[in-house]
PDB file of N, CA and C in Angstrom:
ATOM      1  N   MET A   1      -2.004  -0.871  11.994  1.00  0.00           N
ATOM      2  CA  MET A   1      -3.070  -1.555  11.289  1.00  0.00           C
ATOM      3  C   MET A   1      -4.424  -1.308  11.946  1.00  0.00           C
ATOM      4  N   ALA A   2      -4.426  -0.992  13.223  1.00  0.00           N
ATOM      5  CA  ALA A   2      -5.689  -0.777  13.914  1.00  0.00           C
ATOM      6  C   ALA A   2      -6.467   0.384  13.314  1.00  0.00           C
ATOM      7  N   ALA A   3      -5.780   1.362  12.761  1.00  0.00           N
ATOM      8  CA  ALA A   3      -6.449   2.531  12.183  1.00  0.00           C
ATOM      9  C   ALA A   3      -6.775   2.336  10.712  1.00  0.00           C
ATOM     10  N   ALA A   4      -6.314   1.256  10.121  1.00  0.00           N
ATOM     11  CA  ALA A   4      -6.502   1.040   8.684  1.00  0.00           C
ATOM     12  C   ALA A   4      -7.938   0.641   8.366  1.00  0.00           C
ATOM     13  N   ASP A   5      -8.419   1.135   7.238  1.00  0.00           N
ATOM     14  CA  ASP A   5      -9.733   0.749   6.728  1.00  0.00           C
ATOM     15  C   ASP A   5      -9.533  -0.490   5.854  1.00  0.00           C
ATOM     16  N   LEU A   6      -9.924  -1.630   6.364  1.00  0.00           N
ATOM     17  CA  LEU A   6      -9.737  -2.890   5.656  1.00  0.00           C
ATOM     18  C   LEU A   6     -10.978  -3.326   4.887  1.00  0.00           C
ATOM     19  N   SER A   7     -11.985  -2.477   4.818  1.00  0.00           N
ATOM     20  CA  SER A   7     -13.236  -2.851   4.156  1.00  0.00           C
ATOM     21  C   SER A   7     -13.034  -3.193   2.682  1.00  0.00           C
ATOM     22  N   CYS A   8     -12.017  -2.631   2.054  1.00  0.00           N
ATOM     23  CA  CYS A   8     -11.779  -2.923   0.638  1.00  0.00           C
ATOM     24  C   CYS A   8     -11.425  -4.394   0.418  1.00  0.00           C
ATOM     25  N   LEU A   9     -10.974  -5.078   1.466  1.00  0.00           N
ATOM     26  CA  LEU A   9     -10.647  -6.497   1.330  1.00  0.00           C
ATOM     27  C   LEU A   9     -11.886  -7.352   1.099  1.00  0.00           C
ATOM     28  N   GLU A  10     -13.048  -6.814   1.418  1.00  0.00           N
ATOM     29  CA  GLU A  10     -14.301  -7.542   1.235  1.00  0.00           C
ATOM     30  C   GLU A  10     -15.015  -7.166  -0.058  1.00  0.00           C
ATOM     31  N   CYS A  11     -14.517  -6.166  -0.773  1.00  0.00           N
ATOM     32  CA  CYS A  11     -15.129  -5.721  -2.029  1.00  0.00           C
ATOM     33  C   CYS A  11     -14.624  -6.576  -3.183  1.00  0.00           C
ATOM     34  N   HIS A  12     -15.381  -6.546  -4.276  1.00  0.00           N
ATOM     35  CA  HIS A  12     -14.980  -7.312  -5.454  1.00  0.00           C
ATOM     36  C   HIS A  12     -14.695  -6.431  -6.658  1.00  0.00           C
ATOM     37  N   GLN A  13     -14.816  -5.120  -6.502  1.00  0.00           N
ATOM     38  CA  GLN A  13     -14.484  -4.194  -7.578  1.00  0.00           C
ATOM     39  C   GLN A  13     -13.361  -3.291  -7.097  1.00  0.00           C
ATOM     40  N   HIS A  14     -12.302  -3.246  -7.890  1.00  0.00           N
ATOM     41  CA  HIS A  14     -11.116  -2.489  -7.512  1.00  0.00           C
ATOM     42  C   HIS A  14     -10.561  -1.766  -8.727  1.00  0.00           C
ATOM     43  N   GLU A  15      -9.704  -0.799  -8.449  1.00  0.00           N
ATOM     44  CA  GLU A  15      -8.964  -0.164  -9.529  1.00  0.00           C
ATOM     45  C   GLU A  15      -8.079  -1.228 -10.173  1.00  0.00           C
ATOM     46  N   PRO A  16      -7.729  -1.029 -11.435  1.00  0.00           N
ATOM     47  CA  PRO A  16      -6.806  -1.988 -12.064  1.00  0.00           C
ATOM     48  C   PRO A  16      -5.481  -2.062 -11.296  1.00  0.00           C
ATOM     49  N   VAL A  17      -4.918  -3.252 -11.233  1.00  0.00           N
ATOM     50  CA  VAL A  17      -3.676  -3.470 -10.493  1.00  0.00           C
ATOM     51  C   VAL A  17      -2.577  -2.540 -10.993  1.00  0.00           C
ATOM     52  N   ALA A  18      -2.469  -2.369 -12.309  1.00  0.00           N
ATOM     53  CA  ALA A  18      -1.422  -1.497 -12.863  1.00  0.00           C
ATOM     54  C   ALA A  18      -1.570  -0.066 -12.358  1.00  0.00           C
ATOM     55  N   ASP A  19      -2.801   0.420 -12.251  1.00  0.00           N
ATOM     56  CA  ASP A  19      -3.029   1.777 -11.736  1.00  0.00           C
ATOM     57  C   ASP A  19      -2.644   1.881 -10.265  1.00  0.00           C
ATOM     58  N   LEU A  20      -2.981   0.851  -9.503  1.00  0.00           N
ATOM     59  CA  LEU A  20      -2.630   0.844  -8.082  1.00  0.00           C
ATOM     60  C   LEU A  20      -1.115   0.817  -7.893  1.00  0.00           C
ATOM     61  N   VAL A  21      -0.446   0.000  -8.686  1.00  0.00           N
ATOM     62  CA  VAL A  21       1.016  -0.074  -8.597  1.00  0.00           C
ATOM     63  C   VAL A  21       1.632   1.274  -8.953  1.00  0.00           C
ATOM     64  N   ASN A  22       1.107   1.922  -9.991  1.00  0.00           N
ATOM     65  CA  ASN A  22       1.610   3.237 -10.392  1.00  0.00           C
ATOM     66  C   ASN A  22       1.426   4.261  -9.269  1.00  0.00           C
ATOM     67  N   SER A  23       0.270   4.236  -8.624  1.00  0.00           N
ATOM     68  CA  SER A  23       0.011   5.157  -7.511  1.00  0.00           C
ATOM     69  C   SER A  23       0.969   4.905  -6.349  1.00  0.00           C
ATOM     70  N   ILE A  24       1.197   3.640  -6.044  1.00  0.00           N
ATOM     71  CA  ILE A  24       2.123   3.286  -4.962  1.00  0.00           C
ATOM     72  C   ILE A  24       3.531   3.760  -5.300  1.00  0.00           C
ATOM     73  N   GLU A  25       3.932   3.541  -6.527  1.00  0.00           N
ATOM     74  CA  GLU A  25       5.270   3.981  -6.940  1.00  0.00           C
ATOM     75  C   GLU A  25       5.414   5.497  -6.805  1.00  0.00           C
ATOM     76  N   ASN A  26       4.392   6.242  -7.233  1.00  0.00           N
ATOM     77  CA  ASN A  26       4.445   7.704  -7.132  1.00  0.00           C
ATOM     78  C   ASN A  26       4.478   8.174  -5.681  1.00  0.00           C
ATOM     79  N   THR A  27       3.701   7.531  -4.824  1.00  0.00           N
ATOM     80  CA  THR A  27       3.703   7.903  -3.411  1.00  0.00           C
ATOM     81  C   THR A  27       5.047   7.580  -2.772  1.00  0.00           C
ATOM     82  N   PHE A  28       5.620   6.437  -3.147  1.00  0.00           N
ATOM     83  CA  PHE A  28       6.936   6.088  -2.616  1.00  0.00           C
ATOM     84  C   PHE A  28       7.983   7.103  -3.065  1.00  0.00           C
ATOM     85  N   ILE A  29       7.888   7.559  -4.310  1.00  0.00           N
ATOM     86  CA  ILE A  29       8.801   8.596  -4.810  1.00  0.00           C
ATOM     87  C   ILE A  29       8.637   9.871  -3.983  1.00  0.00           C
ATOM     88  N   ASP A  30       7.386  10.233  -3.686  1.00  0.00           N
ATOM     89  CA  ASP A  30       7.131  11.418  -2.854  1.00  0.00           C
ATOM     90  C   ASP A  30       7.738  11.258  -1.461  1.00  0.00           C
ATOM     91  N   LEU A  31       7.585  10.066  -0.883  1.00  0.00           N
ATOM     92  CA  LEU A  31       8.152   9.810   0.445  1.00  0.00           C
ATOM     93  C   LEU A  31       9.679   9.845   0.391  1.00  0.00           C
ATOM     94  N   GLU A  32      10.237   9.239  -0.620  1.00  0.00           N
ATOM     95  CA  GLU A  32      11.693   9.236  -0.769  1.00  0.00           C
ATOM     96  C   GLU A  32      12.232  10.658  -0.930  1.00  0.00           C
ATOM     97  N   ALA A  33      11.485  11.505  -1.627  1.00  0.00           N
ATOM     98  CA  ALA A  33      11.906  12.896  -1.830  1.00  0.00           C
ATOM     99  C   ALA A  33      11.985  13.658  -0.506  1.00  0.00           C
ATOM    100  N   CYS A  34      11.253  13.202   0.483  1.00  0.00           N
ATOM    101  CA  CYS A  34      11.305  13.844   1.802  1.00  0.00           C
ATOM    102  C   CYS A  34      12.699  13.764   2.412  1.00  0.00           C
ATOM    103  N   PHE A  35      13.506  12.834   1.920  1.00  0.00           N
ATOM    104  CA  PHE A  35      14.846  12.629   2.471  1.00  0.00           C
ATOM    105  C   PHE A  35      15.940  12.997   1.478  1.00  0.00           C
ATOM    106  N   ALA A  36      15.576  13.731   0.432  1.00  0.00           N
ATOM    107  CA  ALA A  36      16.557  14.125  -0.586  1.00  0.00           C
ATOM    108  C   ALA A  36      17.665  14.979   0.020  1.00  0.00           C
ATOM    109  N   ASN A  37      17.310  15.813   0.965  1.00  0.00           N
ATOM    110  CA  ASN A  37      18.290  16.653   1.655  1.00  0.00           C
ATOM    111  C   ASN A  37      18.381  16.146   3.092  1.00  0.00           C
ATOM    112  N   LEU A  38      19.396  15.351   3.374  1.00  0.00           N
ATOM    113  CA  LEU A  38      19.510  14.742   4.705  1.00  0.00           C
ATOM    114  C   LEU A  38      19.739  15.760   5.810  1.00  0.00           C
ATOM    115  N   ASP A  39      20.248  16.924   5.444  1.00  0.00           N
ATOM    116  CA  ASP A  39      20.432  17.977   6.445  1.00  0.00           C
ATOM    117  C   ASP A  39      19.113  18.635   6.816  1.00  0.00           C
ATOM    118  N   ARG A  40      18.149  18.526   5.925  1.00  0.00           N
ATOM    119  CA  ARG A  40      16.853  19.175   6.156  1.00  0.00           C
ATOM    120  C   ARG A  40      15.717  18.337   5.567  1.00  0.00           C
ATOM    121  N   PRO A  41      15.421  17.190   6.172  1.00  0.00           N
ATOM    122  CA  PRO A  41      14.334  16.358   5.644  1.00  0.00           C
ATOM    123  C   PRO A  41      12.985  17.061   5.814  1.00  0.00           C
ATOM    124  N   ALA A  42      12.020  16.583   5.085  1.00  0.00           N
ATOM    125  CA  ALA A  42      10.669  17.138   5.200  1.00  0.00           C
ATOM    126  C   ALA A  42      10.169  16.962   6.634  1.00  0.00           C
ATOM    127  N   PRO A  43       9.247  17.815   7.057  1.00  0.00           N
ATOM    128  CA  PRO A  43       8.708  17.701   8.421  1.00  0.00           C
ATOM    129  C   PRO A  43       8.082  16.321   8.667  1.00  0.00           C
ATOM    130  N   PRO A  44       8.144  15.852   9.904  1.00  0.00           N
ATOM    131  CA  PRO A  44       7.563  14.549  10.230  1.00  0.00           C
ATOM    132  C   PRO A  44       6.099  14.413   9.813  1.00  0.00           C
ATOM    133  N   SER A  45       5.332  15.475   9.911  1.00  0.00           N
ATOM    134  CA  SER A  45       3.911  15.384   9.544  1.00  0.00           C
ATOM    135  C   SER A  45       3.740  15.064   8.061  1.00  0.00           C
ATOM    136  N   ILE A  46       4.591  15.617   7.217  1.00  0.00           N
ATOM    137  CA  ILE A  46       4.524  15.340   5.776  1.00  0.00           C
ATOM    138  C   ILE A  46       4.954  13.902   5.507  1.00  0.00           C
ATOM    139  N   ARG A  47       6.023  13.467   6.147  1.00  0.00           N
ATOM    140  CA  ARG A  47       6.502  12.093   5.964  1.00  0.00           C
ATOM    141  C   ARG A  47       5.450  11.100   6.444  1.00  0.00           C
ATOM    142  N   ALA A  48       4.823  11.400   7.570  1.00  0.00           N
ATOM    143  CA  ALA A  48       3.781  10.517   8.105  1.00  0.00           C
ATOM    144  C   ALA A  48       2.588  10.450   7.167  1.00  0.00           C
ATOM    145  N   GLN A  49       2.242  11.572   6.572  1.00  0.00           N
ATOM    146  CA  GLN A  49       1.118  11.592   5.634  1.00  0.00           C
ATOM    147  C   GLN A  49       1.415  10.696   4.426  1.00  0.00           C
ATOM    148  N   HIS A  50       2.616  10.810   3.869  1.00  0.00           N
ATOM    149  CA  HIS A  50       2.993   9.950   2.739  1.00  0.00           C
ATOM    150  C   HIS A  50       2.987   8.479   3.148  1.00  0.00           C
ATOM    151  N   ALA A  51       3.495   8.175   4.332  1.00  0.00           N
ATOM    152  CA  ALA A  51       3.534   6.792   4.808  1.00  0.00           C
ATOM    153  C   ALA A  51       2.127   6.228   4.985  1.00  0.00           C
ATOM    154  N   ALA A  52       1.213   7.042   5.496  1.00  0.00           N
ATOM    155  CA  ALA A  52      -0.172   6.595   5.679  1.00  0.00           C
ATOM    156  C   ALA A  52      -0.837   6.327   4.331  1.00  0.00           C
ATOM    157  N   VAL A  53      -0.606   7.203   3.372  1.00  0.00           N
ATOM    158  CA  VAL A  53      -1.167   7.005   2.030  1.00  0.00           C
ATOM    159  C   VAL A  53      -0.588   5.732   1.418  1.00  0.00           C
ATOM    160  N   LEU A  54       0.702   5.529   1.578  1.00  0.00           N
ATOM    161  CA  LEU A  54       1.360   4.338   1.045  1.00  0.00           C
ATOM    162  C   LEU A  54       0.767   3.066   1.654  1.00  0.00           C
ATOM    163  N   ALA A  55       0.525   3.071   2.942  1.00  0.00           N
ATOM    164  CA  ALA A  55      -0.082   1.912   3.606  1.00  0.00           C
ATOM    165  C   ALA A  55      -1.489   1.654   3.079  1.00  0.00           C
ATOM    166  N   ASP A  56      -2.278   2.715   2.923  1.00  0.00           N
ATOM    167  CA  ASP A  56      -3.641   2.575   2.415  1.00  0.00           C
ATOM    168  C   ASP A  56      -3.634   2.039   0.983  1.00  0.00           C
ATOM    169  N   GLN A  57      -2.762   2.586   0.159  1.00  0.00           N
ATOM    170  CA  GLN A  57      -2.678   2.121  -1.227  1.00  0.00           C
ATOM    171  C   GLN A  57      -2.255   0.652  -1.280  1.00  0.00           C
ATOM    172  N   SER A  58      -1.375   0.249  -0.393  1.00  0.00           N
ATOM    173  CA  SER A  58      -0.916  -1.137  -0.357  1.00  0.00           C
ATOM    174  C   SER A  58      -2.052  -2.083   0.010  1.00  0.00           C
ATOM    175  N   ILE A  59      -2.891  -1.665   0.929  1.00  0.00           N
ATOM    176  CA  ILE A  59      -4.058  -2.475   1.298  1.00  0.00           C
ATOM    177  C   ILE A  59      -4.984  -2.630   0.096  1.00  0.00           C
ATOM    178  N   HIS A  60      -5.182  -1.557  -0.645  1.00  0.00           N
ATOM    179  CA  HIS A  60      -6.029  -1.627  -1.840  1.00  0.00           C
ATOM    180  C   HIS A  60      -5.416  -2.542  -2.901  1.00  0.00           C
ATOM    181  N   LEU A  61      -4.105  -2.533  -3.024  1.00  0.00           N
ATOM    182  CA  LEU A  61      -3.446  -3.429  -3.973  1.00  0.00           C
ATOM    183  C   LEU A  61      -3.637  -4.883  -3.560  1.00  0.00           C
ATOM    184  N   VAL A  62      -3.464  -5.180  -2.294  1.00  0.00           N
ATOM    185  CA  VAL A  62      -3.678  -6.547  -1.807  1.00  0.00           C
ATOM    186  C   VAL A  62      -5.123  -6.972  -2.065  1.00  0.00           C
ATOM    187  N   ALA A  63      -6.070  -6.073  -1.847  1.00  0.00           N
ATOM    188  CA  ALA A  63      -7.482  -6.387  -2.094  1.00  0.00           C
ATOM    189  C   ALA A  63      -7.725  -6.678  -3.568  1.00  0.00           C
ATOM    190  N   ALA A  64      -7.124  -5.888  -4.439  1.00  0.00           N
ATOM    191  CA  ALA A  64      -7.291  -6.106  -5.883  1.00  0.00           C
ATOM    192  C   ALA A  64      -6.676  -7.435  -6.298  1.00  0.00           C
ATOM    193  N   LEU A  65      -5.514  -7.744  -5.757  1.00  0.00           N
ATOM    194  CA  LEU A  65      -4.880  -9.025  -6.072  1.00  0.00           C
ATOM    195  C   LEU A  65      -5.699 -10.193  -5.528  1.00  0.00           C
ATOM    196  N   LYS A  66      -6.310 -10.004  -4.374  1.00  0.00           N
ATOM    197  CA  LYS A  66      -7.161 -11.049  -3.786  1.00  0.00           C
ATOM    198  C   LYS A  66      -8.309 -11.389  -4.728  1.00  0.00           C
ATOM    199  N   THR A  67      -8.880 -10.369  -5.352  1.00  0.00           N
ATOM    200  CA  THR A  67      -9.997 -10.579  -6.273  1.00  0.00           C
ATOM    201  C   THR A  67      -9.523 -11.138  -7.610  1.00  0.00           C
ATOM    202  N   ALA A  68      -8.450 -10.571  -8.141  1.00  0.00           N
ATOM    203  CA  ALA A  68      -7.978 -10.966  -9.471  1.00  0.00           C
ATOM    204  C   ALA A  68      -7.283 -12.329  -9.471  1.00  0.00           C
ATOM    205  N   HIS A  69      -6.615 -12.662  -8.377  1.00  0.00           N
ATOM    206  CA  HIS A  69      -5.838 -13.905  -8.293  1.00  0.00           C
ATOM    207  C   HIS A  69      -6.053 -14.559  -6.931  1.00  0.00           C
ATOM    208  N   PRO A  70      -7.254 -15.102  -6.692  1.00  0.00           N
ATOM    209  CA  PRO A  70      -7.569 -15.625  -5.352  1.00  0.00           C
ATOM    210  C   PRO A  70      -6.642 -16.753  -4.885  1.00  0.00           C
ATOM    211  N   GLU A  71      -6.219 -17.630  -5.792  1.00  0.00           N
ATOM    212  CA  GLU A  71      -5.342 -18.726  -5.377  1.00  0.00           C
ATOM    213  C   GLU A  71      -3.969 -18.197  -4.961  1.00  0.00           C
ATOM    214  N   LEU A  72      -3.452 -17.235  -5.689  1.00  0.00           N
ATOM    215  CA  LEU A  72      -2.183 -16.608  -5.324  1.00  0.00           C
ATOM    216  C   LEU A  72      -2.303 -15.926  -3.961  1.00  0.00           C
ATOM    217  N   PHE A  73      -3.435 -15.263  -3.732  1.00  0.00           N
ATOM    218  CA  PHE A  73      -3.666 -14.607  -2.443  1.00  0.00           C
ATOM    219  C   PHE A  73      -3.701 -15.635  -1.318  1.00  0.00           C
ATOM    220  N   ARG A  74      -4.380 -16.761  -1.534  1.00  0.00           N
ATOM    221  CA  ARG A  74      -4.444 -17.816  -0.509  1.00  0.00           C
ATOM    222  C   ARG A  74      -3.044 -18.360  -0.192  1.00  0.00           C
ATOM    223  N   ARG A  75      -2.235 -18.569  -1.228  1.00  0.00           N
ATOM    224  CA  ARG A  75      -0.866 -19.057  -1.003  1.00  0.00           C
ATOM    225  C   ARG A  75      -0.041 -18.030  -0.234  1.00  0.00           C
ATOM    226  N   PHE A  76      -0.209 -16.757  -0.577  1.00  0.00           N
ATOM    227  CA  PHE A  76       0.489 -15.688   0.137  1.00  0.00           C
ATOM    228  C   PHE A  76       0.111 -15.713   1.617  1.00  0.00           C
ATOM    229  N   MET A  77      -1.188 -15.791   1.909  1.00  0.00           N
ATOM    230  CA  MET A  77      -1.649 -15.791   3.296  1.00  0.00           C
ATOM    231  C   MET A  77      -1.147 -17.026   4.042  1.00  0.00           C
ATOM    232  N   LYS A  78      -1.169 -18.167   3.380  1.00  0.00           N
ATOM    233  CA  LYS A  78      -0.695 -19.396   4.014  1.00  0.00           C
ATOM    234  C   LYS A  78       0.791 -19.278   4.354  1.00  0.00           C
ATOM    235  N   THR A  79       1.575 -18.752   3.427  1.00  0.00           N
ATOM    236  CA  THR A  79       3.007 -18.570   3.661  1.00  0.00           C
ATOM    237  C   THR A  79       3.250 -17.557   4.766  1.00  0.00           C
ATOM    238  N   TRP A  80       2.507 -16.461   4.727  1.00  0.00           N
ATOM    239  CA  TRP A  80       2.671 -15.404   5.726  1.00  0.00           C
ATOM    240  C   TRP A  80       2.358 -15.924   7.125  1.00  0.00           C
ATOM    241  N   HIS A  81       1.276 -16.688   7.257  1.00  0.00           N
ATOM    242  CA  HIS A  81       0.890 -17.208   8.571  1.00  0.00           C
ATOM    243  C   HIS A  81       1.822 -18.324   9.038  1.00  0.00           C
ATOM    244  N   ALA A  82       2.488 -18.985   8.109  1.00  0.00           N
ATOM    245  CA  ALA A  82       3.421 -20.049   8.480  1.00  0.00           C
ATOM    246  C   ALA A  82       4.685 -19.484   9.117  1.00  0.00           C
ATOM    247  N   ASN A  83       4.995 -18.248   8.777  1.00  0.00           N
ATOM    248  CA  ASN A  83       6.225 -17.637   9.320  1.00  0.00           C
ATOM    249  C   ASN A  83       5.861 -16.934  10.554  1.00  0.00           C
TER     250      ASN A  83
END
């Protein structure tokens, strides 16, 4: 998380949630494909790149949800910090 760009959490304009979810799903499919052949998985650098993109996209999704549904976001944060 130290390397993550969290500035999007302070913005109020985001891509539509459906588009963000679609992008995350596609990136996850790409990451999963790295392990399609267990005898010869994709190189670690490729897997790491997909994982980094997935993390970044997830942060953008959380930011969009924070803007679109602030009360839901507050409840999520309260629950997360309680655990």
